[in-house]
Structures are given as C-alpha cells and as structure tokens.
Amino acid sequence: MLSDTPRTFVGSTTFTVTGMTCDHCRRAVTQEISAVEGVESVAVDLASGTVTVSTDQPVDRADIAAAVDEAGYVLVP
C-alpha cells in the first residue's frame, strides 16, 4: 500500500508489512513507528499483515519505512 500513499501524509494510513507473525513483532513495530514525530497511534493486524498509522501532523512515509526496517521488518512498496 506504500505506492498508494502520498510521500507525506496526515491522518490515518494503512501499510502492508512483511514478516510479522507474533506479539513480539507487533510490539517491535508499534514501538519503532510510535517514535516517529507526529505519530499519534499505531494498530498492527498480524492476520492481514497491515499496520494502520494515525498522525496529527504531516509524516513522511520514508520515516515509517525506516522505523519498520529498524524493527526488523519490511514495508511493502
């Protein structure tokens, strides 16, 4: 879903992330994305492999991709 998201977004956006299989994955991804400036909330759905990010100010999707990478997973382009 990354390609459907403008470079900078505000509000709620859903991304597809590969490799998440357990609660540890959920915590790692949530922690890293939550640290991005402007992110209000993160909701991880392990079954669908999606992460919904809500922001209160413009956030660059590259920052979300970097946070997911730091957690050890991959944001699907």
PDB file of N, CA and C in Angstrom:
ATOM      1  N   MET A   1       0.811  -1.197   0.000  1.00  0.00           N
ATOM      2  CA  MET A   1       0.000   0.000   0.000  1.00  0.00           C
ATOM      3  C   MET A   1       0.853   1.258   0.000  1.00  0.00           C
ATOM      4  N   LEU A   2       2.138   1.103   0.117  1.00  0.00           N
ATOM      5  CA  LEU A   2       3.042   2.239   0.167  1.00  0.00           C
ATOM      6  C   LEU A   2       2.919   3.092  -1.085  1.00  0.00           C
ATOM      7  N   SER A   3       2.794   2.463  -2.253  1.00  0.00           N
ATOM      8  CA  SER A   3       2.734   3.223  -3.501  1.00  0.00           C
ATOM      9  C   SER A   3       1.458   4.048  -3.608  1.00  0.00           C
ATOM     10  N   ASP A   4       0.401   3.669  -2.879  1.00  0.00           N
ATOM     11  CA  ASP A   4      -0.848   4.416  -2.911  1.00  0.00           C
ATOM     12  C   ASP A   4      -0.847   5.596  -1.941  1.00  0.00           C
ATOM     13  N   THR A   5       0.166   5.668  -1.090  1.00  0.00           N
ATOM     14  CA  THR A   5       0.229   6.701  -0.077  1.00  0.00           C
ATOM     15  C   THR A   5       1.099   7.840  -0.573  1.00  0.00           C
ATOM     16  N   PRO A   6       0.611   9.086  -0.464  1.00  0.00           N
ATOM     17  CA  PRO A   6       1.467  10.212  -0.852  1.00  0.00           C
ATOM     18  C   PRO A   6       2.745  10.192  -0.019  1.00  0.00           C
ATOM     19  N   ARG A   7       3.794  10.833  -0.521  1.00  0.00           N
ATOM     20  CA  ARG A   7       5.078  10.849   0.190  1.00  0.00           C
ATOM     21  C   ARG A   7       4.891  11.341   1.617  1.00  0.00           C
ATOM     22  N   THR A   8       4.134  12.401   1.791  1.00  0.00           N
ATOM     23  CA  THR A   8       3.827  12.911   3.124  1.00  0.00           C
ATOM     24  C   THR A   8       2.331  12.753   3.333  1.00  0.00           C
ATOM     25  N   PHE A   9       1.951  12.231   4.499  1.00  0.00           N
ATOM     26  CA  PHE A   9       0.530  12.030   4.761  1.00  0.00           C
ATOM     27  C   PHE A   9       0.193  12.539   6.147  1.00  0.00           C
ATOM     28  N   VAL A  10      -1.094  12.782   6.347  1.00  0.00           N
ATOM     29  CA  VAL A  10      -1.602  13.165   7.658  1.00  0.00           C
ATOM     30  C   VAL A  10      -2.935  12.458   7.832  1.00  0.00           C
ATOM     31  N   GLY A  11      -3.258  12.079   9.056  1.00  0.00           N
ATOM     32  CA  GLY A  11      -4.482  11.321   9.310  1.00  0.00           C
ATOM     33  C   GLY A  11      -4.154   9.859   9.464  1.00  0.00           C
ATOM     34  N   SER A  12      -5.034   8.990   9.001  1.00  0.00           N
ATOM     35  CA  SER A  12      -4.883   7.553   9.165  1.00  0.00           C
ATOM     36  C   SER A  12      -4.525   6.904   7.832  1.00  0.00           C
ATOM     37  N   THR A  13      -3.442   6.127   7.822  1.00  0.00           N
ATOM     38  CA  THR A  13      -2.978   5.444   6.620  1.00  0.00           C
ATOM     39  C   THR A  13      -2.590   4.011   6.982  1.00  0.00           C
ATOM     40  N   THR A  14      -2.917   3.061   6.102  1.00  0.00           N
ATOM     41  CA  THR A  14      -2.609   1.659   6.345  1.00  0.00           C
ATOM     42  C   THR A  14      -1.502   1.196   5.408  1.00  0.00           C
ATOM     43  N   PHE A  15      -0.521   0.506   5.984  1.00  0.00           N
ATOM     44  CA  PHE A  15       0.610  -0.031   5.244  1.00  0.00           C
ATOM     45  C   PHE A  15       0.623  -1.548   5.378  1.00  0.00           C
ATOM     46  N   THR A  16       1.212  -2.223   4.396  1.00  0.00           N
ATOM     47  CA  THR A  16       1.433  -3.661   4.479  1.00  0.00           C
ATOM     48  C   THR A  16       2.881  -3.892   4.894  1.00  0.00           C
ATOM     49  N   VAL A  17       3.070  -4.760   5.884  1.00  0.00           N
ATOM     50  CA  VAL A  17       4.405  -5.064   6.413  1.00  0.00           C
ATOM     51  C   VAL A  17       4.594  -6.578   6.362  1.00  0.00           C
ATOM     52  N   THR A  18       5.737  -7.027   5.829  1.00  0.00           N
ATOM     53  CA  THR A  18       6.005  -8.463   5.751  1.00  0.00           C
ATOM     54  C   THR A  18       6.837  -8.922   6.939  1.00  0.00           C
ATOM     55  N   GLY A  19       6.609 -10.173   7.332  1.00  0.00           N
ATOM     56  CA  GLY A  19       7.421 -10.814   8.350  1.00  0.00           C
ATOM     57  C   GLY A  19       6.858 -10.819   9.754  1.00  0.00           C
ATOM     58  N   MET A  20       5.762 -10.137   9.990  1.00  0.00           N
ATOM     59  CA  MET A  20       5.182 -10.092  11.338  1.00  0.00           C
ATOM     60  C   MET A  20       4.367 -11.356  11.582  1.00  0.00           C
ATOM     61  N   THR A  21       4.696 -12.071  12.672  1.00  0.00           N
ATOM     62  CA  THR A  21       3.992 -13.321  12.942  1.00  0.00           C
ATOM     63  C   THR A  21       3.534 -13.494  14.388  1.00  0.00           C
ATOM     64  N   CYS A  22       4.022 -12.635  15.299  1.00  0.00           N
ATOM     65  CA  CYS A  22       3.736 -12.871  16.715  1.00  0.00           C
ATOM     66  C   CYS A  22       3.582 -11.559  17.483  1.00  0.00           C
ATOM     67  N   ASP A  23       3.281 -11.679  18.758  1.00  0.00           N
ATOM     68  CA  ASP A  23       3.086 -10.500  19.589  1.00  0.00           C
ATOM     69  C   ASP A  23       4.373  -9.684  19.726  1.00  0.00           C
ATOM     70  N   HIS A  24       5.523 -10.356  19.731  1.00  0.00           N
ATOM     71  CA  HIS A  24       6.802  -9.632  19.763  1.00  0.00           C
ATOM     72  C   HIS A  24       6.922  -8.738  18.537  1.00  0.00           C
ATOM     73  N   CYS A  25       6.528  -9.261  17.381  1.00  0.00           N
ATOM     74  CA  CYS A  25       6.554  -8.480  16.134  1.00  0.00           C
ATOM     75  C   CYS A  25       5.681  -7.241  16.280  1.00  0.00           C
ATOM     76  N   ARG A  26       4.484  -7.442  16.800  1.00  0.00           N
ATOM     77  CA  ARG A  26       3.538  -6.347  16.990  1.00  0.00           C
ATOM     78  C   ARG A  26       4.151  -5.263  17.885  1.00  0.00           C
ATOM     79  N   ARG A  27       4.752  -5.674  18.985  1.00  0.00           N
ATOM     80  CA  ARG A  27       5.351  -4.703  19.918  1.00  0.00           C
ATOM     81  C   ARG A  27       6.521  -3.958  19.290  1.00  0.00           C
ATOM     82  N   ALA A  28       7.385  -4.681  18.575  1.00  0.00           N
ATOM     83  CA  ALA A  28       8.559  -4.061  17.959  1.00  0.00           C
ATOM     84  C   ALA A  28       8.154  -3.016  16.921  1.00  0.00           C
ATOM     85  N   VAL A  29       7.223  -3.375  16.056  1.00  0.00           N
ATOM     86  CA  VAL A  29       6.767  -2.449  15.015  1.00  0.00           C
ATOM     87  C   VAL A  29       6.057  -1.249  15.648  1.00  0.00           C
ATOM     88  N   THR A  30       5.199  -1.514  16.615  1.00  0.00           N
ATOM     89  CA  THR A  30       4.475  -0.422  17.289  1.00  0.00           C
ATOM     90  C   THR A  30       5.446   0.536  17.960  1.00  0.00           C
ATOM     91  N   GLN A  31       6.434   0.006  18.654  1.00  0.00           N
ATOM     92  CA  GLN A  31       7.396   0.845  19.369  1.00  0.00           C
ATOM     93  C   GLN A  31       8.187   1.732  18.405  1.00  0.00           C
ATOM     94  N   GLU A  32       8.689   1.168  17.329  1.00  0.00           N
ATOM     95  CA  GLU A  32       9.510   1.936  16.389  1.00  0.00           C
ATOM     96  C   GLU A  32       8.689   3.002  15.660  1.00  0.00           C
ATOM     97  N   ILE A  33       7.496   2.640  15.189  1.00  0.00           N
ATOM     98  CA  ILE A  33       6.676   3.618  14.473  1.00  0.00           C
ATOM     99  C   ILE A  33       6.183   4.700  15.429  1.00  0.00           C
ATOM    100  N   SER A  34       5.854   4.332  16.650  1.00  0.00           N
ATOM    101  CA  SER A  34       5.374   5.315  17.632  1.00  0.00           C
ATOM    102  C   SER A  34       6.422   6.384  17.930  1.00  0.00           C
ATOM    103  N   ALA A  35       7.693   6.061  17.724  1.00  0.00           N
ATOM    104  CA  ALA A  35       8.771   7.010  17.987  1.00  0.00           C
ATOM    105  C   ALA A  35       8.920   8.068  16.891  1.00  0.00           C
ATOM    106  N   VAL A  36       8.245   7.877  15.755  1.00  0.00           N
ATOM    107  CA  VAL A  36       8.312   8.850  14.667  1.00  0.00           C
ATOM    108  C   VAL A  36       7.520  10.090  15.061  1.00  0.00           C
ATOM    109  N   GLU A  37       8.134  11.253  14.912  1.00  0.00           N
ATOM    110  CA  GLU A  37       7.473  12.503  15.283  1.00  0.00           C
ATOM    111  C   GLU A  37       6.180  12.692  14.490  1.00  0.00           C
ATOM    112  N   GLY A  38       5.108  13.001  15.201  1.00  0.00           N
ATOM    113  CA  GLY A  38       3.814  13.238  14.576  1.00  0.00           C
ATOM    114  C   GLY A  38       2.874  12.046  14.640  1.00  0.00           C
ATOM    115  N   VAL A  39       3.395  10.855  14.957  1.00  0.00           N
ATOM    116  CA  VAL A  39       2.548   9.666  15.022  1.00  0.00           C
ATOM    117  C   VAL A  39       1.767   9.674  16.331  1.00  0.00           C
ATOM    118  N   GLU A  40       0.435   9.557  16.212  1.00  0.00           N
ATOM    119  CA  GLU A  40      -0.446   9.519  17.385  1.00  0.00           C
ATOM    120  C   GLU A  40      -0.715   8.098  17.850  1.00  0.00           C
ATOM    121  N   SER A  41      -0.948   7.183  16.887  1.00  0.00           N
ATOM    122  CA  SER A  41      -1.261   5.809  17.255  1.00  0.00           C
ATOM    123  C   SER A  41      -0.847   4.849  16.146  1.00  0.00           C
ATOM    124  N   VAL A  42      -0.643   3.585  16.560  1.00  0.00           N
ATOM    125  CA  VAL A  42      -0.250   2.520  15.642  1.00  0.00           C
ATOM    126  C   VAL A  42      -1.100   1.307  15.973  1.00  0.00           C
ATOM    127  N   ALA A  43      -1.718   0.710  14.959  1.00  0.00           N
ATOM    128  CA  ALA A  43      -2.506  -0.513  15.152  1.00  0.00           C
ATOM    129  C   ALA A  43      -1.986  -1.578  14.194  1.00  0.00           C
ATOM    130  N   VAL A  44      -1.483  -2.671  14.757  1.00  0.00           N
ATOM    131  CA  VAL A  44      -0.924  -3.762  13.958  1.00  0.00           C
ATOM    132  C   VAL A  44      -1.941  -4.897  13.890  1.00  0.00           C
ATOM    133  N   ASP A  45      -2.222  -5.372  12.677  1.00  0.00           N
ATOM    134  CA  ASP A  45      -3.098  -6.523  12.473  1.00  0.00           C
ATOM    135  C   ASP A  45      -2.234  -7.653  11.921  1.00  0.00           C
ATOM    136  N   LEU A  46      -1.854  -8.576  12.787  1.00  0.00           N
ATOM    137  CA  LEU A  46      -0.972  -9.665  12.371  1.00  0.00           C
ATOM    138  C   LEU A  46      -1.597 -10.547  11.299  1.00  0.00           C
ATOM    139  N   ALA A  47      -2.886 -10.806  11.403  1.00  0.00           N
ATOM    140  CA  ALA A  47      -3.560 -11.705  10.461  1.00  0.00           C
ATOM    141  C   ALA A  47      -3.481 -11.192   9.020  1.00  0.00           C
ATOM    142  N   SER A  48      -3.639  -9.885   8.844  1.00  0.00           N
ATOM    143  CA  SER A  48      -3.606  -9.321   7.493  1.00  0.00           C
ATOM    144  C   SER A  48      -2.237  -8.773   7.120  1.00  0.00           C
ATOM    145  N   GLY A  49      -1.338  -8.637   8.111  1.00  0.00           N
ATOM    146  CA  GLY A  49      -0.018  -8.081   7.840  1.00  0.00           C
ATOM    147  C   GLY A  49      -0.048  -6.591   7.585  1.00  0.00           C
ATOM    148  N   THR A  50      -1.028  -5.915   8.183  1.00  0.00           N
ATOM    149  CA  THR A  50      -1.139  -4.477   7.973  1.00  0.00           C
ATOM    150  C   THR A  50      -0.869  -3.698   9.260  1.00  0.00           C
ATOM    151  N   VAL A  51      -0.453  -2.457   9.048  1.00  0.00           N
ATOM    152  CA  VAL A  51      -0.205  -1.536  10.149  1.00  0.00           C
ATOM    153  C   VAL A  51      -0.906  -0.231   9.799  1.00  0.00           C
ATOM    154  N   THR A  52      -1.807   0.208  10.672  1.00  0.00           N
ATOM    155  CA  THR A  52      -2.503   1.474  10.465  1.00  0.00           C
ATOM    156  C   THR A  52      -1.860   2.512  11.368  1.00  0.00           C
ATOM    157  N   VAL A  53      -1.420   3.604  10.747  1.00  0.00           N
ATOM    158  CA  VAL A  53      -0.724   4.677  11.445  1.00  0.00           C
ATOM    159  C   VAL A  53      -1.596   5.925  11.393  1.00  0.00           C
ATOM    160  N   SER A  54      -1.845   6.517  12.563  1.00  0.00           N
ATOM    161  CA  SER A  54      -2.599   7.774  12.642  1.00  0.00           C
ATOM    162  C   SER A  54      -1.651   8.876  13.077  1.00  0.00           C
ATOM    163  N   THR A  55      -1.726  10.007  12.387  1.00  0.00           N
ATOM    164  CA  THR A  55      -0.829  11.119  12.672  1.00  0.00           C
ATOM    165  C   THR A  55      -1.618  12.394  12.947  1.00  0.00           C
ATOM    166  N   ASP A  56      -0.979  13.308  13.666  1.00  0.00           N
ATOM    167  CA  ASP A  56      -1.611  14.595  13.931  1.00  0.00           C
ATOM    168  C   ASP A  56      -0.904  15.724  13.202  1.00  0.00           C
ATOM    169  N   GLN A  57       0.108  15.381  12.423  1.00  0.00           N
ATOM    170  CA  GLN A  57       0.830  16.350  11.601  1.00  0.00           C
ATOM    171  C   GLN A  57       1.416  15.586  10.424  1.00  0.00           C
ATOM    172  N   PRO A  58       1.866  16.271   9.375  1.00  0.00           N
ATOM    173  CA  PRO A  58       2.420  15.561   8.222  1.00  0.00           C
ATOM    174  C   PRO A  58       3.610  14.688   8.615  1.00  0.00           C
ATOM    175  N   VAL A  59       3.602  13.450   8.115  1.00  0.00           N
ATOM    176  CA  VAL A  59       4.675  12.487   8.358  1.00  0.00           C
ATOM    177  C   VAL A  59       5.118  11.942   7.007  1.00  0.00           C
ATOM    178  N   ASP A  60       6.421  11.840   6.817  1.00  0.00           N
ATOM    179  CA  ASP A  60       6.976  11.305   5.573  1.00  0.00           C
ATOM    180  C   ASP A  60       6.901   9.781   5.628  1.00  0.00           C
ATOM    181  N   ARG A  61       6.359   9.167   4.586  1.00  0.00           N
ATOM    182  CA  ARG A  61       6.235   7.707   4.591  1.00  0.00           C
ATOM    183  C   ARG A  61       7.601   7.035   4.650  1.00  0.00           C
ATOM    184  N   ALA A  62       8.665   7.724   4.214  1.00  0.00           N
ATOM    185  CA  ALA A  62      10.017   7.174   4.316  1.00  0.00           C
ATOM    186  C   ALA A  62      10.415   6.994   5.784  1.00  0.00           C
ATOM    187  N   ASP A  63       9.916   7.867   6.659  1.00  0.00           N
ATOM    188  CA  ASP A  63      10.192   7.731   8.087  1.00  0.00           C
ATOM    189  C   ASP A  63       9.500   6.491   8.658  1.00  0.00           C
ATOM    190  N   ILE A  64       8.302   6.202   8.147  1.00  0.00           N
ATOM    191  CA  ILE A  64       7.591   4.994   8.578  1.00  0.00           C
ATOM    192  C   ILE A  64       8.340   3.760   8.082  1.00  0.00           C
ATOM    193  N   ALA A  65       8.786   3.795   6.827  1.00  0.00           N
ATOM    194  CA  ALA A  65       9.538   2.668   6.267  1.00  0.00           C
ATOM    195  C   ALA A  65      10.829   2.434   7.053  1.00  0.00           C
ATOM    196  N   ALA A  66      11.505   3.505   7.433  1.00  0.00           N
ATOM    197  CA  ALA A  66      12.750   3.382   8.209  1.00  0.00           C
ATOM    198  C   ALA A  66      12.472   2.791   9.587  1.00  0.00           C
ATOM    199  N   ALA A  67      11.365   3.188  10.203  1.00  0.00           N
ATOM    200  CA  ALA A  67      11.001   2.661  11.522  1.00  0.00           C
ATOM    201  C   ALA A  67      10.689   1.167  11.435  1.00  0.00           C
ATOM    202  N   VAL A  68       9.971   0.763  10.404  1.00  0.00           N
ATOM    203  CA  VAL A  68       9.652  -0.657  10.196  1.00  0.00           C
ATOM    204  C   VAL A  68      10.935  -1.440   9.964  1.00  0.00           C
ATOM    205  N   ASP A  69      11.855  -0.886   9.176  1.00  0.00           N
ATOM    206  CA  ASP A  69      13.141  -1.526   8.926  1.00  0.00           C
ATOM    207  C   ASP A  69      13.937  -1.670  10.229  1.00  0.00           C
ATOM    208  N   GLU A  70      13.919  -0.642  11.049  1.00  0.00           N
ATOM    209  CA  GLU A  70      14.628  -0.682  12.336  1.00  0.00           C
ATOM    210  C   GLU A  70      14.078  -1.786  13.233  1.00  0.00           C
ATOM    211  N   ALA A  71      12.776  -2.040  13.114  1.00  0.00           N
ATOM    212  CA  ALA A  71      12.145  -3.104  13.906  1.00  0.00           C
ATOM    213  C   ALA A  71      12.477  -4.493  13.347  1.00  0.00           C
ATOM    214  N   GLY A  72      13.032  -4.535  12.124  1.00  0.00           N
ATOM    215  CA  GLY A  72      13.419  -5.813  11.535  1.00  0.00           C
ATOM    216  C   GLY A  72      12.435  -6.373  10.519  1.00  0.00           C
ATOM    217  N   TYR A  73      11.568  -5.511   9.999  1.00  0.00           N
ATOM    218  CA  TYR A  73      10.554  -5.949   9.046  1.00  0.00           C
ATOM    219  C   TYR A  73      10.613  -5.078   7.798  1.00  0.00           C
ATOM    220  N   VAL A  74       9.765  -5.362   6.816  1.00  0.00           N
ATOM    221  CA  VAL A  74       9.810  -4.653   5.546  1.00  0.00           C
ATOM    222  C   VAL A  74       8.447  -4.094   5.190  1.00  0.00           C
ATOM    223  N   LEU A  75       8.418  -2.807   4.884  1.00  0.00           N
ATOM    224  CA  LEU A  75       7.199  -2.160   4.390  1.00  0.00           C
ATOM    225  C   LEU A  75       7.074  -2.511   2.914  1.00  0.00           C
ATOM    226  N   VAL A  76       5.935  -3.031   2.501  1.00  0.00           N
ATOM    227  CA  VAL A  76       5.724  -3.440   1.114  1.00  0.00           C
ATOM    228  C   VAL A  76       5.464  -2.203   0.258  1.00  0.00           C
ATOM    229  N   PRO A  77       6.235  -2.041  -0.833  1.00  0.00           N
ATOM    230  CA  PRO A  77       6.024  -0.866  -1.710  1.00  0.00           C
ATOM    231  C   PRO A  77       4.739  -0.958  -2.503  1.00  0.00           C
TER     232      PRO A  77
END
